Protein backbone atom coordinates (compact mmCIF):
# COMPACT_ATOMS: atom_id res chain seq x y z
CA MET A 1 124.21 85.02 62.86
CA ASP A 2 125.56 88.34 61.70
CA GLN A 3 128.76 88.72 63.71
CA SER A 4 128.57 92.51 63.40
CA ASP A 5 125.64 92.54 65.83
CA ASP A 6 126.21 94.44 69.07
CA LEU A 7 127.00 91.35 71.12
CA THR A 8 129.27 90.88 74.12
CA ARG A 9 131.41 87.83 74.80
CA VAL A 10 132.27 86.88 78.37
CA PRO A 11 136.00 85.97 78.40
CA ALA A 12 135.73 83.71 81.47
CA LEU A 13 133.06 81.70 79.69
CA TRP A 14 134.42 81.73 76.15
CA PHE A 15 136.27 78.47 75.57
CA ASP A 16 138.24 77.97 72.36
CA ASP A 17 137.19 74.34 72.25
CA GLY A 18 133.58 75.15 73.08
CA THR A 19 130.90 73.40 71.06
CA LEU A 20 127.88 75.55 71.89
CA VAL A 21 127.12 79.26 72.09
CA VAL A 22 124.57 80.29 74.70
CA ARG A 23 122.94 83.66 74.14
CA ALA A 24 121.15 85.65 76.86
CA GLN A 25 119.97 89.09 75.77
CA THR A 26 123.02 90.52 73.97
CA THR A 27 125.61 88.42 75.80
CA LEU A 28 127.29 85.30 74.40
CA PHE A 29 128.93 82.37 76.20
CA LYS A 30 130.89 79.71 74.29
CA VAL A 31 130.64 76.57 76.36
CA HIS A 32 130.41 72.80 75.95
CA ARG A 33 127.34 70.87 75.00
CA SER A 34 128.62 67.84 76.94
CA VAL A 35 129.16 69.79 80.18
CA LEU A 36 125.69 71.34 80.19
CA SER A 37 124.08 68.03 79.27
CA ALA A 38 125.89 66.26 82.10
CA ARG A 39 124.82 68.83 84.69
CA SER A 40 121.26 69.52 83.58
CA SER A 41 118.49 67.21 82.40
CA VAL A 42 116.76 70.20 80.84
CA PHE A 43 119.80 71.09 78.75
CA ARG A 44 120.29 67.43 77.92
CA ASP A 45 116.82 67.30 76.41
CA MET A 46 117.18 70.73 74.83
CA LEU A 47 120.44 69.79 73.13
CA ALA A 48 119.31 66.41 71.85
CA PHE A 49 119.57 67.43 68.20
CA PRO A 50 121.80 66.11 65.36
CA GLN A 51 125.47 67.02 65.62
CA ASP A 52 125.58 68.48 62.09
CA ASN A 53 123.51 71.47 63.32
CA GLY A 54 121.42 71.38 60.18
CA GLY A 55 118.98 74.27 60.08
CA LEU A 56 120.19 75.77 63.37
CA GLU A 57 121.52 79.29 63.74
CA THR A 58 125.28 79.22 64.32
CA PHE A 59 128.03 81.50 65.53
CA GLU A 60 131.61 80.76 64.49
CA GLY A 61 130.49 77.29 63.48
CA CYS A 62 128.80 76.50 66.81
CA PRO A 63 125.05 76.12 67.25
CA ILE A 64 123.35 78.86 69.25
CA VAL A 65 120.91 78.31 72.09
CA ALA A 66 119.03 81.47 73.04
CA LEU A 67 117.82 81.63 76.64
CA PRO A 68 115.06 84.00 77.81
CA ASP A 69 116.88 84.72 81.08
CA LYS A 70 118.82 87.79 82.18
CA ALA A 71 122.41 87.81 80.99
CA GLU A 72 123.88 88.48 84.44
CA GLU A 73 121.96 85.54 85.93
CA VAL A 74 123.07 83.20 83.13
CA GLN A 75 126.66 84.33 83.69
CA SER A 76 126.51 83.53 87.43
CA PHE A 77 124.81 80.21 86.70
CA LEU A 78 127.41 79.11 84.12
CA LEU A 79 130.31 80.26 86.31
CA ALA A 80 128.91 78.13 89.14
CA ILE A 81 128.86 75.13 86.80
CA TYR A 82 132.35 75.66 85.40
CA ASP A 83 134.33 77.12 88.34
CA SER A 84 134.14 75.10 91.55
CA SER A 85 135.74 77.94 93.54
CA TYR A 86 133.24 80.56 92.37
CA PHE A 87 130.19 79.32 94.28
CA MET A 88 131.23 77.63 97.50
CA PRO A 89 128.85 76.24 100.16
CA PRO A 90 127.92 78.43 103.13
CA PRO A 91 129.26 80.08 105.21
CA GLN A 92 131.46 81.27 102.33
CA PRO A 93 130.21 84.81 101.54
CA PHE A 94 128.40 85.26 98.24
CA ASP A 95 126.67 88.14 96.46
CA ILE A 96 122.89 88.07 96.88
CA LEU A 97 121.98 89.05 93.30
CA SER A 98 124.21 86.31 91.88
CA LEU A 99 122.76 83.91 94.45
CA LEU A 100 119.21 84.71 93.37
CA GLY A 101 120.16 84.10 89.75
CA ILE A 102 121.74 80.74 90.52
CA LEU A 103 118.77 79.73 92.67
CA ARG A 104 116.27 80.50 89.90
CA LEU A 105 118.21 78.99 87.01
CA ALA A 106 119.41 75.90 88.89
CA HIS A 107 115.76 75.21 89.66
CA LYS A 108 114.58 76.03 86.14
CA TYR A 109 117.24 73.93 84.39
CA ASP A 110 117.32 71.16 87.01
CA VAL A 111 120.90 71.40 88.28
CA GLU A 112 120.20 69.80 91.62
CA TYR A 113 123.52 70.26 93.41
CA LEU A 114 123.60 74.00 92.63
CA PHE A 115 119.96 74.37 93.63
CA LYS A 116 120.59 72.74 97.00
CA ARG A 117 123.69 74.86 97.55
CA ALA A 118 121.80 78.06 96.79
CA LEU A 119 119.01 77.01 99.16
CA SER A 120 121.62 76.25 101.84
CA HIS A 121 122.93 79.81 101.63
CA PHE A 122 119.45 81.21 102.21
CA ASP A 123 118.68 78.58 104.84
CA ARG A 124 121.65 79.67 106.92
CA VAL A 125 120.45 83.28 107.01
CA LEU A 126 116.66 82.95 106.89
CA TYR A 127 115.69 79.74 108.71
CA PHE A 128 115.28 79.46 112.49
CA ASP A 129 114.07 76.25 114.06
CA ASN A 130 112.25 78.00 116.90
CA TYR A 131 111.73 81.38 118.52
CA PRO A 132 114.69 81.18 120.95
CA ALA A 133 116.95 80.39 117.97
CA PHE A 134 115.59 83.47 116.22
CA LEU A 135 116.39 85.65 119.25
CA GLN A 136 119.90 84.23 119.60
CA ALA A 137 120.80 84.41 115.92
CA ALA A 138 124.02 86.29 115.29
CA GLY A 139 125.15 87.90 112.08
CA GLY A 140 128.43 87.22 110.38
CA PRO A 141 129.72 86.33 106.93
CA GLY A 142 127.14 84.94 104.59
CA ILE A 143 125.03 86.57 101.93
CA MET A 144 126.47 89.88 100.79
CA THR A 145 124.92 92.94 99.17
CA SER A 146 126.22 94.53 95.99
CA GLN A 147 128.05 96.99 98.29
CA ALA A 148 130.05 94.03 99.69
CA GLU A 149 128.32 94.36 103.06
CA PRO A 150 126.54 91.56 104.94
CA TRP A 151 122.87 91.38 103.99
CA ARG A 152 120.79 91.99 107.11
CA PRO A 153 117.17 91.18 106.25
CA GLN A 154 116.10 91.64 109.88
CA SER A 155 117.06 95.34 109.86
CA GLN A 156 114.21 97.81 109.46
CA TYR A 157 116.56 99.75 107.19
CA THR A 158 117.16 96.90 104.75
CA ASP A 159 116.34 97.50 101.07
CA PRO A 160 112.68 96.48 100.65
CA ARG A 161 113.21 95.85 96.93
CA LEU A 162 115.81 93.22 97.77
CA LEU A 163 113.51 91.54 100.28
CA LEU A 164 110.76 91.52 97.67
CA ALA A 165 113.10 89.87 95.15
CA VAL A 166 113.99 87.20 97.72
CA VAL A 167 110.30 86.53 98.47
CA ASP A 168 109.61 86.23 94.74
CA ALA A 169 112.49 83.83 94.12
CA LEU A 170 111.77 81.60 97.12
CA THR A 171 108.10 81.48 96.16
CA GLN A 172 109.01 80.65 92.56
CA VAL A 173 111.15 77.66 93.60
CA GLU A 174 108.59 76.62 96.25
CA ALA A 175 110.98 76.91 99.20
CA GLN A 176 108.14 77.70 101.56
CA TRP A 177 109.98 76.89 104.78
CA LEU A 178 112.13 80.01 104.27
CA LEU A 179 109.15 82.32 103.91
CA PRO A 180 107.47 82.73 107.34
CA VAL A 181 110.36 84.50 109.05
CA GLY A 182 113.19 84.97 106.62
CA ALA A 183 111.23 86.62 103.86
CA GLN A 184 107.59 87.38 104.53
CA TYR A 185 107.99 88.52 108.14
CA PHE A 186 111.00 90.72 107.46
CA LEU A 187 109.23 92.25 104.46
CA SER A 188 105.80 92.76 106.02
CA SER A 189 107.22 94.22 109.25
CA LEU A 190 109.13 96.99 107.46
CA PRO A 191 108.06 100.59 108.19
CA MET A 192 104.98 101.58 106.21
CA LEU A 193 106.87 104.29 104.31
CA SER A 194 109.45 101.75 103.13
CA LEU A 195 106.75 99.53 101.66
CA LEU A 196 104.90 102.43 100.06
CA GLY A 197 108.17 103.58 98.49
CA ILE A 198 108.66 100.39 96.43
CA PRO A 199 108.20 101.33 92.73
CA GLU A 200 104.91 100.18 91.22
CA ASP A 201 106.68 98.26 88.46
CA LEU A 202 108.08 96.01 91.21
CA LEU A 203 105.04 95.96 93.48
CA ASP A 204 101.60 96.53 92.01
CA GLY A 205 98.64 97.74 94.05
CA SER A 206 97.04 94.31 94.46
CA ARG A 207 100.15 92.75 95.89
CA LEU A 208 100.88 95.77 98.07
CA ARG A 209 97.43 95.37 99.61
CA ARG A 210 98.19 91.71 100.46
CA ILE A 211 101.46 92.70 102.13
CA LEU A 212 99.72 95.44 104.09
CA LEU A 213 97.09 92.93 105.26
CA HIS A 214 99.91 90.71 106.52
CA ARG A 215 101.46 93.75 108.16
CA GLN A 216 98.21 94.59 109.92
CA LYS A 217 98.11 91.13 111.49
CA LEU A 218 101.63 91.73 112.82
CA VAL A 219 100.60 95.15 114.16
CA VAL A 220 97.74 93.54 116.05
CA GLN A 221 100.09 90.96 117.57
CA ARG A 222 102.61 93.65 118.52
CA SER A 223 99.84 95.70 120.13
CA THR A 224 98.69 92.68 122.10
CA LEU A 225 102.23 92.12 123.28
CA VAL A 226 102.75 95.73 124.31
CA GLY A 227 99.33 95.65 125.98
CA ALA A 228 100.63 92.99 128.35
CA ILE A 229 102.88 95.65 129.86
CA VAL A 230 99.94 97.85 130.82
CA PRO A 231 99.64 97.96 134.60
CA TRP A 232 97.22 95.38 135.94
CA GLY A 233 95.32 94.93 139.15
CA ASP A 234 95.48 91.86 141.32
CA ASP A 235 92.49 90.40 139.50
CA VAL A 236 94.17 90.35 136.04
CA ALA A 237 97.79 89.49 136.84
CA PRO A 238 99.09 86.53 134.80
CA ASP A 239 99.20 83.16 136.50
CA GLY A 240 102.17 82.84 138.79
CA MET A 241 102.84 86.59 138.89
CA GLU A 242 102.73 88.51 142.16
CA CYS A 243 103.88 92.11 142.00
CA LEU A 244 105.87 93.07 145.12
CA THR A 245 105.99 96.86 144.56
CA PRO A 246 102.84 97.79 142.61
CA ASP A 247 103.30 101.58 142.69
CA ASP A 248 106.91 101.51 141.48
CA CYS A 249 106.14 98.87 138.85
CA THR A 250 103.16 100.86 137.58
CA ASP A 251 105.31 103.97 137.12
CA THR A 252 107.98 101.93 135.35
CA ARG A 253 105.45 100.32 133.01
CA VAL A 254 103.91 103.67 132.09
CA ASP A 255 107.37 105.12 131.39
CA PHE A 256 108.19 102.14 129.19
CA LEU A 257 104.94 102.43 127.24
CA THR A 258 105.64 106.13 126.73
CA PHE A 259 109.04 105.23 125.33
CA VAL A 260 107.52 102.62 123.02
CA ALA A 261 104.94 105.09 121.74
CA ALA A 262 107.49 107.86 121.15
CA TYR A 263 110.46 105.99 119.73
CA ASN A 264 109.12 102.78 118.20
CA VAL A 265 106.58 104.10 115.70
CA GLU A 266 108.44 102.47 112.80
CA ARG A 267 108.56 99.15 114.66
CA ASP A 268 104.81 98.83 115.11
CA ALA A 269 104.72 95.56 113.12
CA ARG A 270 107.83 93.96 114.68
CA ALA A 271 105.85 91.30 116.51
CA LEU A 272 108.92 89.10 117.08
CA ASP A 273 111.18 91.78 118.57
CA ARG A 274 112.09 91.06 122.18
CA LEU A 275 110.66 93.36 124.82
CA ASP A 276 113.46 93.17 127.34
CA ALA A 277 111.98 93.53 130.83
CA GLN A 278 115.45 93.45 132.34
CA ASN A 279 116.02 96.92 130.90
CA MET A 280 112.85 98.28 132.53
CA HIS A 281 114.65 99.56 135.62
CA GLY A 282 112.32 99.84 138.58
CA LEU A 283 110.37 96.60 138.21
CA CYS A 284 110.29 94.13 141.04
CA GLY A 285 111.86 90.73 140.50
CA SER A 286 108.57 89.06 139.69
CA CYS A 287 107.58 91.62 137.05
CA ALA A 288 111.09 91.76 135.61
CA SER A 289 111.06 88.07 134.75
CA GLY A 290 109.33 88.98 131.49
CA THR A 291 108.19 85.40 131.03
CA PHE A 292 104.58 86.32 130.39
CA TRP A 293 105.23 88.28 127.19
CA GLU A 294 108.18 86.19 125.98
CA GLN A 295 105.94 83.12 126.26
CA SER A 296 103.30 85.01 124.29
CA GLN A 297 105.79 85.62 121.48
CA ASP A 298 106.88 81.97 121.52
CA ASP A 299 103.24 80.87 121.27
CA PHE A 300 102.69 83.25 118.37
CA TRP A 301 105.73 81.81 116.59
CA ARG A 302 104.69 78.19 117.08
CA ASN A 303 100.97 78.49 116.51
CA ASP A 304 100.26 81.49 114.33
CA LEU A 305 103.21 82.83 112.36
CA PRO A 306 102.96 80.66 109.20
CA ASP A 307 99.21 81.21 109.07
CA VAL A 308 99.70 84.98 109.04
CA PHE A 309 101.21 84.53 105.57
CA ASP A 310 98.82 81.75 104.44
CA LEU A 311 101.53 79.10 104.66
CA PRO A 312 101.43 75.48 105.93
CA ASP A 313 102.16 74.81 109.61
CA TRP A 314 105.70 74.37 110.94
CA GLU A 315 105.54 70.57 110.85
CA ASP A 316 104.85 70.57 107.12
CA LEU A 317 107.43 73.28 106.49
CA ARG A 318 110.14 71.33 108.34
CA ALA A 319 109.26 68.22 106.35
CA GLN A 320 109.62 70.21 103.13
CA ARG A 321 112.99 71.54 104.30
CA ALA A 322 114.26 68.03 104.99
CA ALA A 323 113.05 66.81 101.61
CA MET A 324 114.55 69.67 99.57
CA LEU A 325 117.86 69.95 101.41
CA GLY A 326 118.23 66.24 102.01
CA SER A 327 118.78 66.78 105.72
């Protein structure tokens, strides 16, 4: 190789005793054939050539392996292999873009321990065993954005491009159990303007239509949930419910629906958001229990949520989780 080419060496991954140069785009890494072969069956097969390097392109006497991957992802991947303190298990905070790169390349090059560790980071943030666990989930250190802030996928103000990248990566590595809530739901329930603002080179029209179809299913579920708050007569009250102050409760329900209509336009697809009856001041004790719509959300979670996104049922998804994480 012509050493005058516009190439960049990465000092942290340029070992004087290295025996192999890995090239990704215009970036070079001088590493060890033996280390990569020991960690990765794909590299082991790839590097099974004669040691005299006959006929191979070289750089400073070392054979070159050119990878088709992004340089920044290869850098994160190799650092995770070489530096045990760089990529620690959760809950140690870690940058999401580097995490996505490690996830993809550990899967592609069959580095099982790194793949499981990357999945564990996402599992901690995106997997909930049931609906009550989803409601009780608290934030905290974990996956970080490039601005060194905690990544909050559940926020309606989260970057939709980042959510889309997570959906793509998890789909690529077939980690389906992380998709119903942690990726697909958070993406599809974003405000319409956020989804329409994703550049076309990241989200083409065909895929946008699929996401909007998912979103419409969530809107229908949210509408059904809100509809349960509409005042009812004695003949349509849910089983076990007996309103003690119908006039006051009717006024309170109408006020709440007015609030929902006026201030929750951007949350029209948030089918899993809690509707907290305890904050509807003026309801009688029976109406304030809220059990009828919270149970509806729990039923939607258990019976319908994976199907909204054309995914297997929860039993199959949990079995996949146990198989891939070894738990």
